[in-house]
């Protein structure tokens, strides 16, 4: 049996396909890393914008809190104690359920006369 031999054409074709695959892989890799860097820059910009927005909102809240804060009452002055609320419980009316069951006393046994004579 003779060993397998690859012709020059087949070897060239396989080498060319491997070269094309390597080039496409390199292009895909550079494209992916470029997207990652662009995404990181966009993410950093979004975080910075959100931080500025939150800082402005925090400043507005602190201004509103300072304007709405009432002074505390004096230590000796105590407000009138609130009255305790009275709770009255009303029981619901009872629910009566009538279920008819047959106990064998409906008079049928007396008519048949099935006793010992």
C-alpha atoms as a PDB file:
ATOM      1  CA  UNK A   1       0.000   0.000   0.000  1.00  0.00           C
ATOM      2  CA  UNK A   2       1.284   3.354  -0.967  1.00  0.00           C
ATOM      3  CA  UNK A   3       1.339   6.315   1.527  1.00  0.00           C
ATOM      4  CA  UNK A   4      -0.870   9.327   0.947  1.00  0.00           C
ATOM      5  CA  UNK A   5       0.770  12.125  -0.940  1.00  0.00           C
ATOM      6  CA  UNK A   6      -0.455  15.721  -1.038  1.00  0.00           C
ATOM      7  CA  UNK A   7      -0.110  17.511  -4.299  1.00  0.00           C
ATOM      8  CA  UNK A   8       1.379  20.977  -4.474  1.00  0.00           C
ATOM      9  CA  UNK A   9      -2.005  22.412  -5.401  1.00  0.00           C
ATOM     10  CA  UNK A  10      -3.688  20.988  -2.301  1.00  0.00           C
ATOM     11  CA  UNK A  11      -0.863  22.151  -0.037  1.00  0.00           C
ATOM     12  CA  UNK A  12      -1.046  25.662  -1.497  1.00  0.00           C
ATOM     13  CA  UNK A  13      -4.833  25.716  -1.101  1.00  0.00           C
ATOM     14  CA  UNK A  14      -4.653  24.628   2.570  1.00  0.00           C
ATOM     15  CA  UNK A  15      -1.927  27.200   3.295  1.00  0.00           C
ATOM     16  CA  UNK A  16      -3.980  29.955   1.654  1.00  0.00           C
ATOM     17  CA  UNK A  17      -7.093  29.036   3.670  1.00  0.00           C
ATOM     18  CA  UNK A  18      -5.089  29.061   6.907  1.00  0.00           C
ATOM     19  CA  UNK A  19      -3.637  32.468   6.005  1.00  0.00           C
ATOM     20  CA  UNK A  20      -7.114  33.894   5.299  1.00  0.00           C
ATOM     21  CA  UNK A  21      -8.397  32.478   8.594  1.00  0.00           C
ATOM     22  CA  UNK A  22      -5.461  34.043  10.466  1.00  0.00           C
ATOM     23  CA  UNK A  23      -6.062  37.449   8.830  1.00  0.00           C
ATOM     24  CA  UNK A  24      -9.807  37.341   9.593  1.00  0.00           C
ATOM     25  CA  UNK A  25      -9.094  36.319  13.194  1.00  0.00           C
ATOM     26  CA  UNK A  26      -6.679  39.230  13.607  1.00  0.00           C
ATOM     27  CA  UNK A  27      -9.228  41.677  12.152  1.00  0.00           C
ATOM     28  CA  UNK A  28     -11.932  40.355  14.488  1.00  0.00           C
ATOM     29  CA  UNK A  29      -9.604  40.648  17.482  1.00  0.00           C
ATOM     30  CA  UNK A  30      -8.667  44.262  16.731  1.00  0.00           C
ATOM     31  CA  UNK A  31     -12.319  45.118  16.126  1.00  0.00           C
ATOM     32  CA  UNK A  32     -13.341  43.572  19.455  1.00  0.00           C
ATOM     33  CA  UNK A  33     -10.646  45.363  21.446  1.00  0.00           C
ATOM     34  CA  UNK A  34     -11.564  48.634  19.731  1.00  0.00           C
ATOM     35  CA  UNK A  35     -15.181  48.168  20.759  1.00  0.00           C
ATOM     36  CA  UNK A  36     -14.135  47.469  24.337  1.00  0.00           C
ATOM     37  CA  UNK A  37     -12.076  50.663  24.516  1.00  0.00           C
ATOM     38  CA  UNK A  38     -14.879  52.736  22.969  1.00  0.00           C
ATOM     39  CA  UNK A  39     -17.363  51.223  25.369  1.00  0.00           C
ATOM     40  CA  UNK A  40     -15.114  52.014  28.318  1.00  0.00           C
ATOM     41  CA  UNK A  41     -14.808  55.662  27.211  1.00  0.00           C
ATOM     42  CA  UNK A  42     -18.566  55.942  26.751  1.00  0.00           C
ATOM     43  CA  UNK A  43     -19.150  54.325  30.140  1.00  0.00           C
ATOM     44  CA  UNK A  44     -16.734  56.739  31.844  1.00  0.00           C
ATOM     45  CA  UNK A  45     -18.494  59.691  30.238  1.00  0.00           C
ATOM     46  CA  UNK A  46     -21.911  58.405  31.312  1.00  0.00           C
ATOM     47  CA  UNK A  47     -20.725  57.907  34.893  1.00  0.00           C
ATOM     48  CA  UNK A  48     -19.247  61.420  35.013  1.00  0.00           C
ATOM     49  CA  UNK A  49     -22.485  62.923  33.667  1.00  0.00           C
ATOM     50  CA  UNK A  50     -24.547  60.977  36.222  1.00  0.00           C
ATOM     51  CA  UNK A  51     -22.236  62.136  39.030  1.00  0.00           C
ATOM     52  CA  UNK A  52     -22.700  65.765  37.999  1.00  0.00           C
ATOM     53  CA  UNK A  53     -26.467  65.289  37.855  1.00  0.00           C
ATOM     54  CA  UNK A  54     -26.563  63.653  41.297  1.00  0.00           C
ATOM     55  CA  UNK A  55     -24.361  66.357  42.814  1.00  0.00           C
ATOM     56  CA  UNK A  56     -26.726  69.058  41.516  1.00  0.00           C
ATOM     57  CA  UNK A  57     -29.723  67.148  42.849  1.00  0.00           C
ATOM     58  CA  UNK A  58     -28.032  66.714  46.242  1.00  0.00           C
ATOM     59  CA  UNK A  59     -27.399  70.454  46.405  1.00  0.00           C
ATOM     60  CA  UNK A  60     -31.062  71.182  45.593  1.00  0.00           C
ATOM     61  CA  UNK A  61     -32.180  68.775  48.320  1.00  0.00           C
ATOM     62  CA  UNK A  62     -29.907  70.301  50.941  1.00  0.00           C
ATOM     63  CA  UNK A  63     -31.198  73.789  50.076  1.00  0.00           C
ATOM     64  CA  UNK A  64     -34.808  72.594  50.292  1.00  0.00           C
ATOM     65  CA  UNK A  65     -34.098  70.839  53.601  1.00  0.00           C
ATOM     66  CA  UNK A  66     -32.517  73.947  55.088  1.00  0.00           C
ATOM     67  CA  UNK A  67     -35.541  76.028  54.035  1.00  0.00           C
ATOM     68  CA  UNK A  68     -38.105  73.528  55.346  1.00  0.00           C
ATOM     69  CA  UNK A  69     -36.466  72.736  58.689  1.00  0.00           C
ATOM     70  CA  UNK A  70     -38.399  74.114  61.649  1.00  0.00           C
ATOM     71  CA  UNK A  71     -36.622  75.023  64.855  1.00  0.00           C
ATOM     72  CA  UNK A  72     -36.947  72.465  67.635  1.00  0.00           C
ATOM     73  CA  UNK A  73     -39.190  73.331  70.610  1.00  0.00           C
ATOM     74  CA  UNK A  74     -37.672  74.258  73.960  1.00  0.00           C
ATOM     75  CA  UNK A  75     -36.664  71.380  76.213  1.00  0.00           C
ATOM     76  CA  UNK A  76     -39.135  72.309  78.995  1.00  0.00           C
ATOM     77  CA  UNK A  77     -42.170  72.721  76.751  1.00  0.00           C
ATOM     78  CA  UNK A  78     -43.901  69.439  76.091  1.00  0.00           C
ATOM     79  CA  UNK A  79     -46.895  69.192  73.794  1.00  0.00           C
ATOM     80  CA  UNK A  80     -50.153  67.813  75.128  1.00  0.00           C
ATOM     81  CA  UNK A  81     -50.089  64.044  75.234  1.00  0.00           C
ATOM     82  CA  UNK A  82     -52.193  62.611  72.429  1.00  0.00           C
ATOM     83  CA  UNK A  83     -55.320  60.831  73.531  1.00  0.00           C
ATOM     84  CA  UNK A  84     -55.226  57.118  73.160  1.00  0.00           C
ATOM     85  CA  UNK A  85     -57.605  55.861  70.524  1.00  0.00           C
ATOM     86  CA  UNK A  86     -60.398  53.609  71.757  1.00  0.00           C
ATOM     87  CA  UNK A  87     -60.963  50.391  69.847  1.00  0.00           C
ATOM     88  CA  UNK A  88     -64.446  48.886  69.865  1.00  0.00           C
ATOM     89  CA  UNK A  89     -64.840  45.353  68.565  1.00  0.00           C
ATOM     90  CA  UNK A  90     -68.201  44.254  67.208  1.00  0.00           C
ATOM     91  CA  UNK A  91     -68.670  40.532  66.791  1.00  0.00           C
ATOM     92  CA  UNK A  92     -70.190  39.471  63.494  1.00  0.00           C
ATOM     93  CA  UNK A  93     -73.542  37.704  63.671  1.00  0.00           C
ATOM     94  CA  UNK A  94     -73.224  33.921  63.911  1.00  0.00           C
ATOM     95  CA  UNK A  95     -73.536  31.900  60.738  1.00  0.00           C
ATOM     96  CA  UNK A  96     -75.909  28.959  61.102  1.00  0.00           C
ATOM     97  CA  UNK A  97     -75.656  26.195  58.538  1.00  0.00           C
ATOM     98  CA  UNK A  98     -78.416  23.568  58.467  1.00  0.00           C
ATOM     99  CA  UNK A  99     -77.563  20.282  56.786  1.00  0.00           C
ATOM    100  CA  UNK A 100     -80.290  17.651  56.511  1.00  0.00           C
ATOM    101  CA  UNK A 101     -79.078  14.124  57.154  1.00  0.00           C
ATOM    102  CA  UNK A 102     -81.195  11.004  57.085  1.00  0.00           C
ATOM    103  CA  UNK A 103     -81.214   9.072  60.368  1.00  0.00           C
ATOM    104  CA  UNK A 104     -83.507   6.253  59.384  1.00  0.00           C
ATOM    105  CA  UNK A 105     -86.486   7.627  61.316  1.00  0.00           C
ATOM    106  CA  UNK A 106     -88.523   8.730  58.328  1.00  0.00           C
ATOM    107  CA  UNK A 107     -91.278   6.136  58.936  1.00  0.00           C
ATOM    108  CA  UNK A 108     -90.484   3.592  56.262  1.00  0.00           C
ATOM    109  CA  UNK A 109     -89.714   0.764  58.682  1.00  0.00           C
ATOM    110  CA  UNK A 110     -93.120   0.926  60.365  1.00  0.00           C
ATOM    111  CA  UNK A 111     -94.996   0.396  57.081  1.00  0.00           C
ATOM    112  CA  UNK A 112     -93.196  -2.778  55.994  1.00  0.00           C
ATOM    113  CA  UNK A 113     -93.810  -4.761  59.159  1.00  0.00           C
ATOM    114  CA  UNK A 114     -90.534  -6.567  58.856  1.00  0.00           C
ATOM    115  CA  UNK A 115     -90.376  -7.601  62.530  1.00  0.00           C
ATOM    116  CA  UNK A 116     -90.358 -11.032  64.288  1.00  0.00           C
ATOM    117  CA  UNK A 117     -93.913 -12.426  64.636  1.00  0.00           C
END
